[in-house]
Every structure is written in structure tokens, then in C-alpha cells.
C-alpha atoms as a PDB file:
ATOM      1  CA  MET A   1       3.685 -11.084   4.186  1.00  0.00           C
ATOM      2  CA  SER A   2       7.295 -12.058   3.591  1.00  0.00           C
ATOM      3  CA  LYS A   3      10.392 -10.012   4.426  1.00  0.00           C
ATOM      4  CA  THR A   4      10.837  -9.422   0.696  1.00  0.00           C
ATOM      5  CA  ASP A   5       7.328  -7.977   0.449  1.00  0.00           C
ATOM      6  CA  GLU A   6       7.984  -5.749   3.462  1.00  0.00           C
ATOM      7  CA  ALA A   7      11.022  -4.325   1.658  1.00  0.00           C
ATOM      8  CA  LEU A   8       8.975  -3.383  -1.422  1.00  0.00           C
ATOM      9  CA  GLY A   9       8.274   0.274  -1.874  1.00  0.00           C
ATOM     10  CA  TYR A  10       4.727   1.406  -2.499  1.00  0.00           C
ATOM     11  CA  GLU A  11       5.332   2.112  -6.179  1.00  0.00           C
ATOM     12  CA  GLN A  12       6.993  -1.261  -6.743  1.00  0.00           C
ATOM     13  CA  ALA A  13       4.142  -3.129  -5.066  1.00  0.00           C
ATOM     14  CA  ARG A  14       1.522  -1.077  -6.926  1.00  0.00           C
ATOM     15  CA  ASP A  15       3.186  -1.668 -10.300  1.00  0.00           C
ATOM     16  CA  GLU A  16       3.489  -5.406  -9.697  1.00  0.00           C
ATOM     17  CA  LEU A  17      -0.135  -5.518  -8.553  1.00  0.00           C
ATOM     18  CA  ILE A  18      -1.214  -3.791 -11.764  1.00  0.00           C
ATOM     19  CA  GLU A  19       0.667  -6.434 -13.750  1.00  0.00           C
ATOM     20  CA  VAL A  20      -0.939  -9.257 -11.748  1.00  0.00           C
ATOM     21  CA  VAL A  21      -4.414  -7.832 -12.381  1.00  0.00           C
ATOM     22  CA  ARG A  22      -3.628  -7.407 -16.088  1.00  0.00           C
ATOM     23  CA  ARG A  23      -2.560 -11.033 -16.367  1.00  0.00           C
ATOM     24  CA  LEU A  24      -5.651 -12.257 -14.513  1.00  0.00           C
ATOM     25  CA  GLU A  25      -7.961 -10.170 -16.698  1.00  0.00           C
ATOM     26  CA  ALA A  26      -6.243 -11.364 -19.869  1.00  0.00           C
ATOM     27  CA  GLY A  27      -7.029 -14.978 -18.980  1.00  0.00           C
ATOM     28  CA  GLY A  28      -5.301 -17.881 -20.651  1.00  0.00           C
ATOM     29  CA  THR A  29      -3.738 -19.129 -17.427  1.00  0.00           C
ATOM     30  CA  THR A  30      -4.337 -22.430 -15.753  1.00  0.00           C
ATOM     31  CA  LEU A  31      -6.352 -22.624 -12.575  1.00  0.00           C
ATOM     32  CA  GLU A  32      -3.178 -23.150 -10.563  1.00  0.00           C
ATOM     33  CA  GLU A  33      -1.497 -20.136 -12.190  1.00  0.00           C
ATOM     34  CA  SER A  34      -4.603 -18.024 -11.610  1.00  0.00           C
ATOM     35  CA  LEU A  35      -4.683 -18.978  -7.933  1.00  0.00           C
ATOM     36  CA  ALA A  36      -0.999 -18.148  -7.545  1.00  0.00           C
ATOM     37  CA  LEU A  37      -1.544 -14.779  -9.223  1.00  0.00           C
ATOM     38  CA  TRP A  38      -4.557 -14.096  -7.000  1.00  0.00           C
ATOM     39  CA  GLU A  39      -2.554 -14.911  -3.869  1.00  0.00           C
ATOM     40  CA  ARG A  40       0.315 -12.694  -5.028  1.00  0.00           C
ATOM     41  CA  GLY A  41      -2.161  -9.913  -5.717  1.00  0.00           C
ATOM     42  CA  GLU A  42      -3.544 -10.198  -2.193  1.00  0.00           C
ATOM     43  CA  GLU A  43      -0.015  -9.967  -0.747  1.00  0.00           C
ATOM     44  CA  LEU A  44       0.775  -6.929  -2.879  1.00  0.00           C
ATOM     45  CA  ALA A  45      -2.494  -5.239  -1.939  1.00  0.00           C
ATOM     46  CA  LYS A  46      -1.580  -5.721   1.715  1.00  0.00           C
ATOM     47  CA  VAL A  47       1.819  -4.105   1.132  1.00  0.00           C
ATOM     48  CA  CYS A  48       0.106  -1.134  -0.537  1.00  0.00           C
ATOM     49  CA  ARG A  49      -2.422  -0.816   2.306  1.00  0.00           C
ATOM     50  CA  THR A  50       0.393  -0.855   4.873  1.00  0.00           C
ATOM     51  CA  TRP A  51       2.224   1.940   3.046  1.00  0.00           C
ATOM     52  CA  LEU A  52      -0.950   4.012   2.693  1.00  0.00           C
ATOM     53  CA  GLU A  53      -1.890   3.532   6.352  1.00  0.00           C
ATOM     54  CA  GLY A  54       1.598   4.649   7.360  1.00  0.00           C
ATOM     55  CA  ALA A  55       1.348   7.706   5.151  1.00  0.00           C
ATOM     56  CA  ARG A  56      -2.065   8.544   6.639  1.00  0.00           C
ATOM     57  CA  LYS A  57      -0.667   8.306  10.182  1.00  0.00           C
ATOM     58  CA  ARG A  58       2.226  10.601   9.302  1.00  0.00           C
ATOM     59  CA  LEU A  59      -0.134  13.095   7.695  1.00  0.00           C
ATOM     60  CA  ASP A  60      -2.493  13.007  10.684  1.00  0.00           C
ATOM     61  CA  ALA A  61       0.441  13.536  13.070  1.00  0.00           C
ATOM     62  CA  ALA A  62       1.719  16.486  11.039  1.00  0.00           C
ATOM     63  CA  LEU A  63      -1.741  18.064  10.937  1.00  0.00           C
ATOM     64  CA  ALA A  64      -2.195  17.568  14.681  1.00  0.00           C
ATOM     65  CA  GLU A  65       1.201  19.156  15.350  1.00  0.00           C
ATOM     66  CA  GLU A  66       0.267  22.103  13.144  1.00  0.00           C
ATOM     67  CA  GLU A  67      -2.980  22.590  15.078  1.00  0.00           C
ATOM     68  CA  VAL A  68      -1.075  22.564  18.392  1.00  0.00           C
ATOM     69  CA  GLU A  69       1.403  25.139  17.080  1.00  0.00           C
ATOM     70  CA  GLU A  70      -1.423  27.364  15.806  1.00  0.00           C
ATOM     71  CA  GLY A  71      -3.196  27.042  19.148  1.00  0.00           C
ATOM     72  CA  ALA A  72      -0.050  28.047  21.012  1.00  0.00           C
ATOM     73  CA  GLU A  73       0.441  31.076  18.795  1.00  0.00           C
ATOM     74  CA  GLY A  74      -3.156  32.166  19.284  1.00  0.00           C
ATOM     75  CA  SER A  75      -2.904  32.047  23.085  1.00  0.00           C
ATOM     76  CA  GLU A  76       0.131  34.320  23.297  1.00  0.00           C
END
């Protein structure tokens, strides 16, 4: 993944990935173009996965913190 890809927001990567998939499904591209689109799609999917994994970690941390706070309140 390039530095440029790392700077992409989730929505940007998702939207570009949708466009890549649309172009692949439409056909009419050469083999070389199709391979380049496929590779770009894989890179974009990785960017999206990274964002989603980060969001999941933040959510899990927030939920764990909430459980600790509720546990502390219950023991008072």
C-alpha cells in the first residue's frame, strides 16, 4: 500500500473501489487494463479493511471502558 493509499479516507477508497468493480463488470477492457484495475481494487480493499479494523478496535475499546465504568459504579 502506497503513502497515497494510506492517506485515503474510507469513503474515498470505497467509492473508488465501487468504480473499479463497475469498470471490471462492464468489460471492454484489455487484459492489461483489467489486471491493473484488479490490482487497484485489491489495494483499495486493503485500505477499506484497515479503516474498518481501526474502527472496530476503537469501538471495542469504548465498550470495554464502558463496562469498567459500570463495574466501578456497581461496586460502590
